[in-house]
């Protein structure tokens, strides 16, 4: 299980997925990544020429956090990603099975 941020572009998951520990869990039982989409976007652009002139908000994106209360990864994402094949790829990226995740669409991750 990993947490992090991601974008879904050309049938591929791009972003950062990383380990977490018990010390990363906050007072409400969540472990969230310190990575921010706006800051990590330059790294994504540098390795994907197609994205050079796009803003980070124009590509479907999301975030994976861990809930210690549920013992699952919660994946917040744009509604356009609510397709089984895309969810499976995102699950693989964060090294979880589809049984270990909860999917939530979130207006914060809506593409512009």
PDB file of N, CA and C in Angstrom:
ATOM      1  N   UNK A   1       0.838  -1.193   0.000  1.00  0.00           N
ATOM      2  CA  UNK A   1       0.000   0.000   0.000  1.00  0.00           C
ATOM      3  C   UNK A   1       0.873   1.243   0.000  1.00  0.00           C
ATOM      4  N   UNK A   2       0.528   2.155  -0.882  1.00  0.00           N
ATOM      5  CA  UNK A   2       1.261   3.414  -0.960  1.00  0.00           C
ATOM      6  C   UNK A   2       0.267   4.573  -1.017  1.00  0.00           C
ATOM      7  N   UNK A   3       0.756   5.761  -0.701  1.00  0.00           N
ATOM      8  CA  UNK A   3      -0.043   6.976  -0.809  1.00  0.00           C
ATOM      9  C   UNK A   3       0.641   7.906  -1.795  1.00  0.00           C
ATOM     10  N   UNK A   4      -0.056   8.941  -2.230  1.00  0.00           N
ATOM     11  CA  UNK A   4       0.575   9.895  -3.132  1.00  0.00           C
ATOM     12  C   UNK A   4      -0.423  10.626  -4.005  1.00  0.00           C
ATOM     13  N   UNK A   5       0.117  11.203  -5.076  1.00  0.00           N
ATOM     14  CA  UNK A   5      -0.697  11.967  -6.027  1.00  0.00           C
ATOM     15  C   UNK A   5      -0.495  11.391  -7.420  1.00  0.00           C
ATOM     16  N   UNK A   6      -1.468  11.652  -8.292  1.00  0.00           N
ATOM     17  CA  UNK A   6      -1.351  11.101  -9.643  1.00  0.00           C
ATOM     18  C   UNK A   6      -2.157  11.908 -10.641  1.00  0.00           C
ATOM     19  N   UNK A   7      -1.810  11.688 -11.888  1.00  0.00           N
ATOM     20  CA  UNK A   7      -2.585  12.143 -13.053  1.00  0.00           C
ATOM     21  C   UNK A   7      -2.805  10.921 -13.926  1.00  0.00           C
ATOM     22  N   UNK A   8      -3.849  10.948 -14.737  1.00  0.00           N
ATOM     23  CA  UNK A   8      -4.117   9.868 -15.687  1.00  0.00           C
ATOM     24  C   UNK A   8      -4.064  10.479 -17.078  1.00  0.00           C
ATOM     25  N   UNK A   9      -3.058  10.059 -17.854  1.00  0.00           N
ATOM     26  CA  UNK A   9      -2.824  10.649 -19.167  1.00  0.00           C
ATOM     27  C   UNK A   9      -2.439   9.567 -20.162  1.00  0.00           C
ATOM     28  N   UNK A  10      -3.085   9.548 -21.310  1.00  0.00           N
ATOM     29  CA  UNK A  10      -2.785   8.574 -22.366  1.00  0.00           C
ATOM     30  C   UNK A  10      -2.774   7.141 -21.846  1.00  0.00           C
ATOM     31  N   UNK A  11      -3.793   6.821 -21.067  1.00  0.00           N
ATOM     32  CA  UNK A  11      -3.964   5.472 -20.537  1.00  0.00           C
ATOM     33  C   UNK A  11      -2.829   5.052 -19.598  1.00  0.00           C
ATOM     34  N   UNK A  12      -2.213   6.020 -18.948  1.00  0.00           N
ATOM     35  CA  UNK A  12      -1.087   5.760 -18.050  1.00  0.00           C
ATOM     36  C   UNK A  12      -1.250   6.593 -16.780  1.00  0.00           C
ATOM     37  N   UNK A  13      -0.837   6.021 -15.657  1.00  0.00           N
ATOM     38  CA  UNK A  13      -0.855   6.743 -14.386  1.00  0.00           C
ATOM     39  C   UNK A  13       0.519   7.371 -14.184  1.00  0.00           C
ATOM     40  N   UNK A  14       0.531   8.686 -13.978  1.00  0.00           N
ATOM     41  CA  UNK A  14       1.760   9.439 -13.752  1.00  0.00           C
ATOM     42  C   UNK A  14       1.677  10.065 -12.372  1.00  0.00           C
ATOM     43  N   UNK A  15       2.793  10.152 -11.678  1.00  0.00           N
ATOM     44  CA  UNK A  15       2.767  10.799 -10.372  1.00  0.00           C
ATOM     45  C   UNK A  15       3.797  10.221  -9.444  1.00  0.00           C
ATOM     46  N   UNK A  16       3.465  10.230  -8.175  1.00  0.00           N
ATOM     47  CA  UNK A  16       4.369   9.702  -7.159  1.00  0.00           C
ATOM     48  C   UNK A  16       3.551   8.881  -6.163  1.00  0.00           C
ATOM     49  N   UNK A  17       4.012   7.656  -5.934  1.00  0.00           N
ATOM     50  CA  UNK A  17       3.425   6.762  -4.938  1.00  0.00           C
ATOM     51  C   UNK A  17       4.546   6.396  -3.973  1.00  0.00           C
ATOM     52  N   UNK A  18       4.297   6.565  -2.687  1.00  0.00           N
ATOM     53  CA  UNK A  18       5.371   6.304  -1.723  1.00  0.00           C
ATOM     54  C   UNK A  18       4.835   5.624  -0.468  1.00  0.00           C
ATOM     55  N   UNK A  19       5.760   5.019   0.258  1.00  0.00           N
ATOM     56  CA  UNK A  19       5.426   4.345   1.506  1.00  0.00           C
ATOM     57  C   UNK A  19       5.047   5.362   2.576  1.00  0.00           C
ATOM     58  N   UNK A  20       4.429   4.874   3.624  1.00  0.00           N
ATOM     59  CA  UNK A  20       4.103   5.692   4.787  1.00  0.00           C
ATOM     60  C   UNK A  20       4.268   4.814   6.020  1.00  0.00           C
ATOM     61  N   UNK A  21       4.340   5.446   7.185  1.00  0.00           N
ATOM     62  CA  UNK A  21       4.488   4.688   8.425  1.00  0.00           C
ATOM     63  C   UNK A  21       3.426   5.123   9.425  1.00  0.00           C
ATOM     64  N   UNK A  22       3.363   4.423  10.537  1.00  0.00           N
ATOM     65  CA  UNK A  22       2.380   4.750  11.571  1.00  0.00           C
ATOM     66  C   UNK A  22       2.556   6.179  12.066  1.00  0.00           C
ATOM     67  N   UNK A  23       3.773   6.673  12.066  1.00  0.00           N
ATOM     68  CA  UNK A  23       4.020   8.044  12.537  1.00  0.00           C
ATOM     69  C   UNK A  23       3.452   9.095  11.580  1.00  0.00           C
ATOM     70  N   UNK A  24       3.108   8.696  10.366  1.00  0.00           N
ATOM     71  CA  UNK A  24       2.511   9.619   9.394  1.00  0.00           C
ATOM     72  C   UNK A  24       1.003   9.788   9.588  1.00  0.00           C
ATOM     73  N   UNK A  25       0.409   8.952  10.421  1.00  0.00           N
ATOM     74  CA  UNK A  25      -1.041   8.990  10.622  1.00  0.00           C
ATOM     75  C   UNK A  25      -1.393  10.135  11.571  1.00  0.00           C
ATOM     76  N   UNK A  26      -2.320  10.982  11.137  1.00  0.00           N
ATOM     77  CA  UNK A  26      -2.683  12.165  11.933  1.00  0.00           C
ATOM     78  C   UNK A  26      -3.738  11.830  12.994  1.00  0.00           C
ATOM     79  N   UNK A  27      -4.206  12.852  13.688  1.00  0.00           N
ATOM     80  CA  UNK A  27      -5.123  12.663  14.816  1.00  0.00           C
ATOM     81  C   UNK A  27      -6.496  12.120  14.408  1.00  0.00           C
ATOM     82  N   UNK A  28      -6.852  12.251  13.140  1.00  0.00           N
ATOM     83  CA  UNK A  28      -8.134  11.682  12.699  1.00  0.00           C
ATOM     84  C   UNK A  28      -7.955  10.353  11.956  1.00  0.00           C
ATOM     85  N   UNK A  29      -6.741   9.804  12.035  1.00  0.00           N
ATOM     86  CA  UNK A  29      -6.504   8.468  11.500  1.00  0.00           C
ATOM     87  C   UNK A  29      -6.141   8.394  10.036  1.00  0.00           C
ATOM     88  N   UNK A  30      -5.658   9.507   9.469  1.00  0.00           N
ATOM     89  CA  UNK A  30      -5.316   9.525   8.045  1.00  0.00           C
ATOM     90  C   UNK A  30      -3.832   9.782   7.828  1.00  0.00           C
ATOM     91  N   UNK A  31      -3.278   9.121   6.831  1.00  0.00           N
ATOM     92  CA  UNK A  31      -1.909   9.402   6.375  1.00  0.00           C
ATOM     93  C   UNK A  31      -2.021   9.947   4.960  1.00  0.00           C
ATOM     94  N   UNK A  32      -1.560  11.181   4.783  1.00  0.00           N
ATOM     95  CA  UNK A  32      -1.641  11.857   3.490  1.00  0.00           C
ATOM     96  C   UNK A  32      -0.233  12.179   3.014  1.00  0.00           C
ATOM     97  N   UNK A  33      -0.083  12.269   1.730  1.00  0.00           N
ATOM     98  CA  UNK A  33       1.201  12.604   1.127  1.00  0.00           C
ATOM     99  C   UNK A  33       1.465  14.100   1.245  1.00  0.00           C
ATOM    100  N   UNK A  34       2.726  14.458   1.405  1.00  0.00           N
ATOM    101  CA  UNK A  34       3.114  15.871   1.426  1.00  0.00           C
ATOM    102  C   UNK A  34       3.252  16.443   0.020  1.00  0.00           C
ATOM    103  N   UNK A  35       3.216  15.589  -0.996  1.00  0.00           N
ATOM    104  CA  UNK A  35       3.345  16.071  -2.372  1.00  0.00           C
ATOM    105  C   UNK A  35       2.099  16.852  -2.774  1.00  0.00           C
ATOM    106  N   UNK A  36       2.315  17.931  -3.521  1.00  0.00           N
ATOM    107  CA  UNK A  36       1.219  18.762  -4.025  1.00  0.00           C
ATOM    108  C   UNK A  36       1.233  18.731  -5.549  1.00  0.00           C
ATOM    109  N   UNK A  37       0.064  18.632  -6.147  1.00  0.00           N
ATOM    110  CA  UNK A  37      -0.031  18.580  -7.607  1.00  0.00           C
ATOM    111  C   UNK A  37       0.637  19.780  -8.265  1.00  0.00           C
ATOM    112  N   UNK A  38       0.383  20.954  -7.752  1.00  0.00           N
ATOM    113  CA  UNK A  38       0.906  22.169  -8.378  1.00  0.00           C
ATOM    114  C   UNK A  38       2.436  22.194  -8.374  1.00  0.00           C
ATOM    115  N   UNK A  39       3.047  21.637  -7.331  1.00  0.00           N
ATOM    116  CA  UNK A  39       4.508  21.624  -7.227  1.00  0.00           C
ATOM    117  C   UNK A  39       5.133  20.482  -8.029  1.00  0.00           C
ATOM    118  N   UNK A  40       4.473  19.341  -8.076  1.00  0.00           N
ATOM    119  CA  UNK A  40       5.041  18.162  -8.746  1.00  0.00           C
ATOM    120  C   UNK A  40       4.820  18.199 -10.260  1.00  0.00           C
ATOM    121  N   UNK A  41       3.949  19.082 -10.719  1.00  0.00           N
ATOM    122  CA  UNK A  41       3.587  19.138 -12.129  1.00  0.00           C
ATOM    123  C   UNK A  41       4.795  19.350 -13.034  1.00  0.00           C
ATOM    124  N   UNK A  42       5.739  20.186 -12.637  1.00  0.00           N
ATOM    125  CA  UNK A  42       6.924  20.442 -13.468  1.00  0.00           C
ATOM    126  C   UNK A  42       7.711  19.161 -13.721  1.00  0.00           C
ATOM    127  N   UNK A  43       7.779  18.302 -12.736  1.00  0.00           N
ATOM    128  CA  UNK A  43       8.484  17.024 -12.901  1.00  0.00           C
ATOM    129  C   UNK A  43       7.749  16.164 -13.925  1.00  0.00           C
ATOM    130  N   UNK A  44       6.441  16.122 -13.838  1.00  0.00           N
ATOM    131  CA  UNK A  44       5.634  15.354 -14.791  1.00  0.00           C
ATOM    132  C   UNK A  44       5.804  15.921 -16.199  1.00  0.00           C
ATOM    133  N   UNK A  45       5.757  17.229 -16.325  1.00  0.00           N
ATOM    134  CA  UNK A  45       5.911  17.869 -17.639  1.00  0.00           C
ATOM    135  C   UNK A  45       7.276  17.581 -18.249  1.00  0.00           C
ATOM    136  N   UNK A  46       8.308  17.555 -17.430  1.00  0.00           N
ATOM    137  CA  UNK A  46       9.664  17.367 -17.957  1.00  0.00           C
ATOM    138  C   UNK A  46       9.862  16.000 -18.600  1.00  0.00           C
ATOM    139  N   UNK A  47       9.064  15.026 -18.200  1.00  0.00           N
ATOM    140  CA  UNK A  47       9.212  13.691 -18.787  1.00  0.00           C
ATOM    141  C   UNK A  47       8.075  13.335 -19.752  1.00  0.00           C
ATOM    142  N   UNK A  48       7.201  14.296 -20.035  1.00  0.00           N
ATOM    143  CA  UNK A  48       6.069  14.067 -20.942  1.00  0.00           C
ATOM    144  C   UNK A  48       5.870  15.289 -21.821  1.00  0.00           C
ATOM    145  N   UNK A  49       6.448  15.260 -23.002  1.00  0.00           N
ATOM    146  CA  UNK A  49       6.412  16.417 -23.901  1.00  0.00           C
ATOM    147  C   UNK A  49       4.991  16.857 -24.246  1.00  0.00           C
ATOM    148  N   UNK A  50       4.050  15.912 -24.322  1.00  0.00           N
ATOM    149  CA  UNK A  50       2.657  16.244 -24.645  1.00  0.00           C
ATOM    150  C   UNK A  50       2.030  17.190 -23.618  1.00  0.00           C
ATOM    151  N   UNK A  51       2.578  17.205 -22.425  1.00  0.00           N
ATOM    152  CA  UNK A  51       1.998  17.993 -21.342  1.00  0.00           C
ATOM    153  C   UNK A  51       2.673  19.346 -21.154  1.00  0.00           C
ATOM    154  N   UNK A  52       3.642  19.644 -21.991  1.00  0.00           N
ATOM    155  CA  UNK A  52       4.472  20.838 -21.814  1.00  0.00           C
ATOM    156  C   UNK A  52       3.667  22.126 -21.666  1.00  0.00           C
ATOM    157  N   UNK A  53       2.617  22.281 -22.445  1.00  0.00           N
ATOM    158  CA  UNK A  53       1.849  23.525 -22.432  1.00  0.00           C
ATOM    159  C   UNK A  53       0.503  23.392 -21.712  1.00  0.00           C
ATOM    160  N   UNK A  54       0.364  22.349 -20.929  1.00  0.00           N
ATOM    161  CA  UNK A  54      -0.883  22.140 -20.191  1.00  0.00           C
ATOM    162  C   UNK A  54      -0.683  22.508 -18.725  1.00  0.00           C
ATOM    163  N   UNK A  55      -1.756  22.934 -18.101  1.00  0.00           N
ATOM    164  CA  UNK A  55      -1.742  23.202 -16.665  1.00  0.00           C
ATOM    165  C   UNK A  55      -2.089  21.909 -15.923  1.00  0.00           C
ATOM    166  N   UNK A  56      -1.625  21.801 -14.700  1.00  0.00           N
ATOM    167  CA  UNK A  56      -1.848  20.572 -13.934  1.00  0.00           C
ATOM    168  C   UNK A  56      -3.333  20.275 -13.734  1.00  0.00           C
ATOM    169  N   UNK A  57      -4.178  21.284 -13.768  1.00  0.00           N
ATOM    170  CA  UNK A  57      -5.612  21.098 -13.560  1.00  0.00           C
ATOM    171  C   UNK A  57      -6.350  20.627 -14.809  1.00  0.00           C
ATOM    172  N   UNK A  58      -5.663  20.584 -15.946  1.00  0.00           N
ATOM    173  CA  UNK A  58      -6.313  20.194 -17.198  1.00  0.00           C
ATOM    174  C   UNK A  58      -6.263  18.692 -17.457  1.00  0.00           C
ATOM    175  N   UNK A  59      -5.533  17.971 -16.640  1.00  0.00           N
ATOM    176  CA  UNK A  59      -5.376  16.526 -16.799  1.00  0.00           C
ATOM    177  C   UNK A  59      -6.068  15.859 -15.605  1.00  0.00           C
ATOM    178  N   UNK A  60      -6.879  14.824 -15.840  1.00  0.00           N
ATOM    179  CA  UNK A  60      -7.538  14.150 -14.721  1.00  0.00           C
ATOM    180  C   UNK A  60      -6.512  13.712 -13.672  1.00  0.00           C
ATOM    181  N   UNK A  61      -6.827  14.001 -12.417  1.00  0.00           N
ATOM    182  CA  UNK A  61      -5.856  13.739 -11.359  1.00  0.00           C
ATOM    183  C   UNK A  61      -6.561  13.265 -10.099  1.00  0.00           C
ATOM    184  N   UNK A  62      -5.736  12.902  -9.114  1.00  0.00           N
ATOM    185  CA  UNK A  62      -6.291  12.469  -7.843  1.00  0.00           C
ATOM    186  C   UNK A  62      -5.223  12.313  -6.783  1.00  0.00           C
ATOM    187  N   UNK A  63      -5.651  11.821  -5.643  1.00  0.00           N
ATOM    188  CA  UNK A  63      -4.784  11.661  -4.481  1.00  0.00           C
ATOM    189  C   UNK A  63      -5.179  10.382  -3.761  1.00  0.00           C
ATOM    190  N   UNK A  64      -4.196   9.672  -3.232  1.00  0.00           N
ATOM    191  CA  UNK A  64      -4.443   8.464  -2.447  1.00  0.00           C
ATOM    192  C   UNK A  64      -3.951   8.700  -1.027  1.00  0.00           C
ATOM    193  N   UNK A  65      -4.841   8.516  -0.059  1.00  0.00           N
ATOM    194  CA  UNK A  65      -4.477   8.637   1.349  1.00  0.00           C
ATOM    195  C   UNK A  65      -4.843   7.337   2.055  1.00  0.00           C
ATOM    196  N   UNK A  66      -4.247   7.106   3.225  1.00  0.00           N
ATOM    197  CA  UNK A  66      -4.532   5.893   3.984  1.00  0.00           C
ATOM    198  C   UNK A  66      -5.421   6.228   5.170  1.00  0.00           C
ATOM    199  N   UNK A  67      -6.457   5.427   5.376  1.00  0.00           N
ATOM    200  CA  UNK A  67      -7.318   5.543   6.551  1.00  0.00           C
ATOM    201  C   UNK A  67      -7.012   4.386   7.492  1.00  0.00           C
ATOM    202  N   UNK A  68      -6.482   4.709   8.673  1.00  0.00           N
ATOM    203  CA  UNK A  68      -6.181   3.654   9.646  1.00  0.00           C
ATOM    204  C   UNK A  68      -7.467   3.077  10.240  1.00  0.00           C
ATOM    205  N   UNK A  69      -8.523   3.865  10.293  1.00  0.00           N
ATOM    206  CA  UNK A  69      -9.796   3.380  10.832  1.00  0.00           C
ATOM    207  C   UNK A  69     -10.416   2.332   9.919  1.00  0.00           C
ATOM    208  N   UNK A  70     -10.264   2.522   8.617  1.00  0.00           N
ATOM    209  CA  UNK A  70     -10.829   1.587   7.641  1.00  0.00           C
ATOM    210  C   UNK A  70      -9.815   0.560   7.160  1.00  0.00           C
ATOM    211  N   UNK A  71      -8.533   0.832   7.433  1.00  0.00           N
ATOM    212  CA  UNK A  71      -7.422   0.020   6.925  1.00  0.00           C
ATOM    213  C   UNK A  71      -7.502  -0.103   5.397  1.00  0.00           C
ATOM    214  N   UNK A  72      -7.781   1.033   4.769  1.00  0.00           N
ATOM    215  CA  UNK A  72      -7.893   1.080   3.308  1.00  0.00           C
ATOM    216  C   UNK A  72      -7.281   2.368   2.788  1.00  0.00           C
ATOM    217  N   UNK A  73      -6.977   2.342   1.502  1.00  0.00           N
ATOM    218  CA  UNK A  73      -6.542   3.542   0.802  1.00  0.00           C
ATOM    219  C   UNK A  73      -7.791   4.211   0.231  1.00  0.00           C
ATOM    220  N   UNK A  74      -7.926   5.491   0.507  1.00  0.00           N
ATOM    221  CA  UNK A  74      -9.020   6.271  -0.077  1.00  0.00           C
ATOM    222  C   UNK A  74      -8.438   7.032  -1.261  1.00  0.00           C
ATOM    223  N   UNK A  75      -9.031   6.832  -2.421  1.00  0.00           N
ATOM    224  CA  UNK A  75      -8.557   7.505  -3.627  1.00  0.00           C
ATOM    225  C   UNK A  75      -9.596   8.538  -4.047  1.00  0.00           C
ATOM    226  N   UNK A  76      -9.182   9.796  -3.964  1.00  0.00           N
ATOM    227  CA  UNK A  76     -10.005  10.909  -4.421  1.00  0.00           C
ATOM    228  C   UNK A  76      -9.612  11.201  -5.858  1.00  0.00           C
ATOM    229  N   UNK A  77     -10.605  11.366  -6.730  1.00  0.00           N
ATOM    230  CA  UNK A  77     -10.273  11.564  -8.139  1.00  0.00           C
ATOM    231  C   UNK A  77     -11.361  12.291  -8.903  1.00  0.00           C
ATOM    232  N   UNK A  78     -11.005  12.661 -10.118  1.00  0.00           N
ATOM    233  CA  UNK A  78     -11.950  13.285 -11.042  1.00  0.00           C
ATOM    234  C   UNK A  78     -12.954  12.235 -11.515  1.00  0.00           C
ATOM    235  N   UNK A  79     -14.194  12.651 -11.694  1.00  0.00           N
ATOM    236  CA  UNK A  79     -15.249  11.715 -12.123  1.00  0.00           C
ATOM    237  C   UNK A  79     -14.943  11.016 -13.441  1.00  0.00           C
ATOM    238  N   UNK A  80     -14.165  11.658 -14.301  1.00  0.00           N
ATOM    239  CA  UNK A  80     -13.847  11.042 -15.596  1.00  0.00           C
ATOM    240  C   UNK A  80     -13.035   9.757 -15.431  1.00  0.00           C
ATOM    241  N   UNK A  81     -12.493   9.537 -14.239  1.00  0.00           N
ATOM    242  CA  UNK A  81     -11.684   8.343 -13.991  1.00  0.00           C
ATOM    243  C   UNK A  81     -12.491   7.196 -13.386  1.00  0.00           C
ATOM    244  N   UNK A  82     -13.787   7.371 -13.244  1.00  0.00           N
ATOM    245  CA  UNK A  82     -14.628   6.333 -12.642  1.00  0.00           C
ATOM    246  C   UNK A  82     -14.972   5.247 -13.658  1.00  0.00           C
ATOM    247  N   UNK A  83     -13.945   4.617 -14.169  1.00  0.00           N
ATOM    248  CA  UNK A  83     -14.044   3.531 -15.148  1.00  0.00           C
ATOM    249  C   UNK A  83     -13.182   2.385 -14.627  1.00  0.00           C
ATOM    250  N   UNK A  84     -13.736   1.198 -14.634  1.00  0.00           N
ATOM    251  CA  UNK A  84     -13.060   0.048 -14.025  1.00  0.00           C
ATOM    252  C   UNK A  84     -11.612  -0.114 -14.475  1.00  0.00           C
ATOM    253  N   UNK A  85     -11.348  -0.033 -15.767  1.00  0.00           N
ATOM    254  CA  UNK A  85      -9.978  -0.237 -16.258  1.00  0.00           C
ATOM    255  C   UNK A  85      -9.027   0.841 -15.736  1.00  0.00           C
ATOM    256  N   UNK A  86      -9.525   2.056 -15.588  1.00  0.00           N
ATOM    257  CA  UNK A  86      -8.693   3.143 -15.055  1.00  0.00           C
ATOM    258  C   UNK A  86      -8.453   2.953 -13.561  1.00  0.00           C
ATOM    259  N   UNK A  87      -9.485   2.554 -12.834  1.00  0.00           N
ATOM    260  CA  UNK A  87      -9.349   2.292 -11.397  1.00  0.00           C
ATOM    261  C   UNK A  87      -8.338   1.171 -11.165  1.00  0.00           C
ATOM    262  N   UNK A  88      -8.365   0.147 -11.999  1.00  0.00           N
ATOM    263  CA  UNK A  88      -7.409  -0.956 -11.860  1.00  0.00           C
ATOM    264  C   UNK A  88      -5.980  -0.468 -12.049  1.00  0.00           C
ATOM    265  N   UNK A  89      -5.739   0.381 -13.034  1.00  0.00           N
ATOM    266  CA  UNK A  89      -4.385   0.917 -13.258  1.00  0.00           C
ATOM    267  C   UNK A  89      -3.941   1.802 -12.094  1.00  0.00           C
ATOM    268  N   UNK A  90      -4.855   2.591 -11.579  1.00  0.00           N
ATOM    269  CA  UNK A  90      -4.532   3.442 -10.433  1.00  0.00           C
ATOM    270  C   UNK A  90      -4.218   2.572  -9.216  1.00  0.00           C
ATOM    271  N   UNK A  91      -4.970   1.503  -9.021  1.00  0.00           N
ATOM    272  CA  UNK A  91      -4.720   0.573  -7.917  1.00  0.00           C
ATOM    273  C   UNK A  91      -3.336  -0.048  -8.025  1.00  0.00           C
ATOM    274  N   UNK A  92      -2.964  -0.459  -9.207  1.00  0.00           N
ATOM    275  CA  UNK A  92      -1.630  -1.035  -9.423  1.00  0.00           C
ATOM    276  C   UNK A  92      -0.555  -0.007  -9.097  1.00  0.00           C
ATOM    277  N   UNK A  93      -0.759   1.238  -9.511  1.00  0.00           N
ATOM    278  CA  UNK A  93       0.202   2.311  -9.249  1.00  0.00           C
ATOM    279  C   UNK A  93       0.446   2.471  -7.744  1.00  0.00           C
ATOM    280  N   UNK A  94      -0.609   2.345  -6.936  1.00  0.00           N
ATOM    281  CA  UNK A  94      -0.478   2.497  -5.486  1.00  0.00           C
ATOM    282  C   UNK A  94      -0.310   1.158  -4.763  1.00  0.00           C
ATOM    283  N   UNK A  95      -0.100   0.097  -5.521  1.00  0.00           N
ATOM    284  CA  UNK A  95       0.196  -1.241  -4.994  1.00  0.00           C
ATOM    285  C   UNK A  95      -0.879  -1.741  -4.027  1.00  0.00           C
ATOM    286  N   UNK A  96      -2.127  -1.609  -4.465  1.00  0.00           N
ATOM    287  CA  UNK A  96      -3.262  -2.108  -3.695  1.00  0.00           C
ATOM    288  C   UNK A  96      -4.196  -2.880  -4.620  1.00  0.00           C
ATOM    289  N   UNK A  97      -4.992  -3.736  -4.011  1.00  0.00           N
ATOM    290  CA  UNK A  97      -6.028  -4.421  -4.783  1.00  0.00           C
ATOM    291  C   UNK A  97      -7.283  -3.546  -4.761  1.00  0.00           C
ATOM    292  N   UNK A  98      -8.200  -3.826  -5.633  1.00  0.00           N
ATOM    293  CA  UNK A  98      -9.433  -3.035  -5.649  1.00  0.00           C
ATOM    294  C   UNK A  98     -10.245  -3.247  -4.366  1.00  0.00           C
ATOM    295  N   UNK A  99     -10.012  -4.340  -3.654  1.00  0.00           N
ATOM    296  CA  UNK A  99     -10.690  -4.578  -2.377  1.00  0.00           C
ATOM    297  C   UNK A  99     -10.102  -3.722  -1.261  1.00  0.00           C
ATOM    298  N   UNK A 100      -8.905  -3.207  -1.454  1.00  0.00           N
ATOM    299  CA  UNK A 100      -8.227  -2.411  -0.425  1.00  0.00           C
ATOM    300  C   UNK A 100      -8.434  -0.911  -0.604  1.00  0.00           C
ATOM    301  N   UNK A 101      -9.321  -0.523  -1.515  1.00  0.00           N
ATOM    302  CA  UNK A 101      -9.499   0.908  -1.776  1.00  0.00           C
ATOM    303  C   UNK A 101     -10.959   1.331  -1.637  1.00  0.00           C
ATOM    304  N   UNK A 102     -11.116   2.601  -1.389  1.00  0.00           N
ATOM    305  CA  UNK A 102     -12.415   3.264  -1.444  1.00  0.00           C
ATOM    306  C   UNK A 102     -12.241   4.399  -2.444  1.00  0.00           C
ATOM    307  N   UNK A 103     -13.116   4.461  -3.416  1.00  0.00           N
ATOM    308  CA  UNK A 103     -13.034   5.492  -4.455  1.00  0.00           C
ATOM    309  C   UNK A 103     -14.037   6.597  -4.141  1.00  0.00           C
ATOM    310  N   UNK A 104     -13.558   7.838  -4.210  1.00  0.00           N
ATOM    311  CA  UNK A 104     -14.440   8.988  -3.995  1.00  0.00           C
ATOM    312  C   UNK A 104     -14.145  10.041  -5.051  1.00  0.00           C
ATOM    313  N   UNK A 105     -15.197  10.468  -5.738  1.00  0.00           N
ATOM    314  CA  UNK A 105     -15.001  11.606  -6.639  1.00  0.00           C
ATOM    315  C   UNK A 105     -14.998  12.855  -5.764  1.00  0.00           C
ATOM    316  N   UNK A 106     -14.257  13.851  -6.190  1.00  0.00           N
ATOM    317  CA  UNK A 106     -14.092  15.045  -5.367  1.00  0.00           C
ATOM    318  C   UNK A 106     -14.029  16.263  -6.276  1.00  0.00           C
ATOM    319  N   UNK A 107     -14.833  17.288  -6.003  1.00  0.00           N
ATOM    320  CA  UNK A 107     -14.818  18.473  -6.872  1.00  0.00           C
ATOM    321  C   UNK A 107     -13.457  19.163  -6.923  1.00  0.00           C
ATOM    322  N   UNK A 108     -12.652  18.973  -5.895  1.00  0.00           N
ATOM    323  CA  UNK A 108     -11.312  19.573  -5.893  1.00  0.00           C
ATOM    324  C   UNK A 108     -10.464  19.043  -7.048  1.00  0.00           C
ATOM    325  N   UNK A 109     -10.693  17.798  -7.443  1.00  0.00           N
ATOM    326  CA  UNK A 109      -9.888  17.171  -8.495  1.00  0.00           C
ATOM    327  C   UNK A 109     -10.560  17.218  -9.857  1.00  0.00           C
ATOM    328  N   UNK A 110     -11.595  18.012  -9.996  1.00  0.00           N
ATOM    329  CA  UNK A 110     -12.284  18.156 -11.277  1.00  0.00           C
ATOM    330  C   UNK A 110     -11.368  18.847 -12.286  1.00  0.00           C
ATOM    331  N   UNK A 111     -11.327  18.318 -13.509  1.00  0.00           N
ATOM    332  CA  UNK A 111     -10.485  18.951 -14.529  1.00  0.00           C
ATOM    333  C   UNK A 111     -11.106  20.263 -14.964  1.00  0.00           C
ATOM    334  N   UNK A 112     -10.242  21.189 -15.327  1.00  0.00           N
ATOM    335  CA  UNK A 112     -10.692  22.540 -15.731  1.00  0.00           C
ATOM    336  C   UNK A 112     -10.805  22.619 -17.237  1.00  0.00           C
TER     337      UNK A 112
END
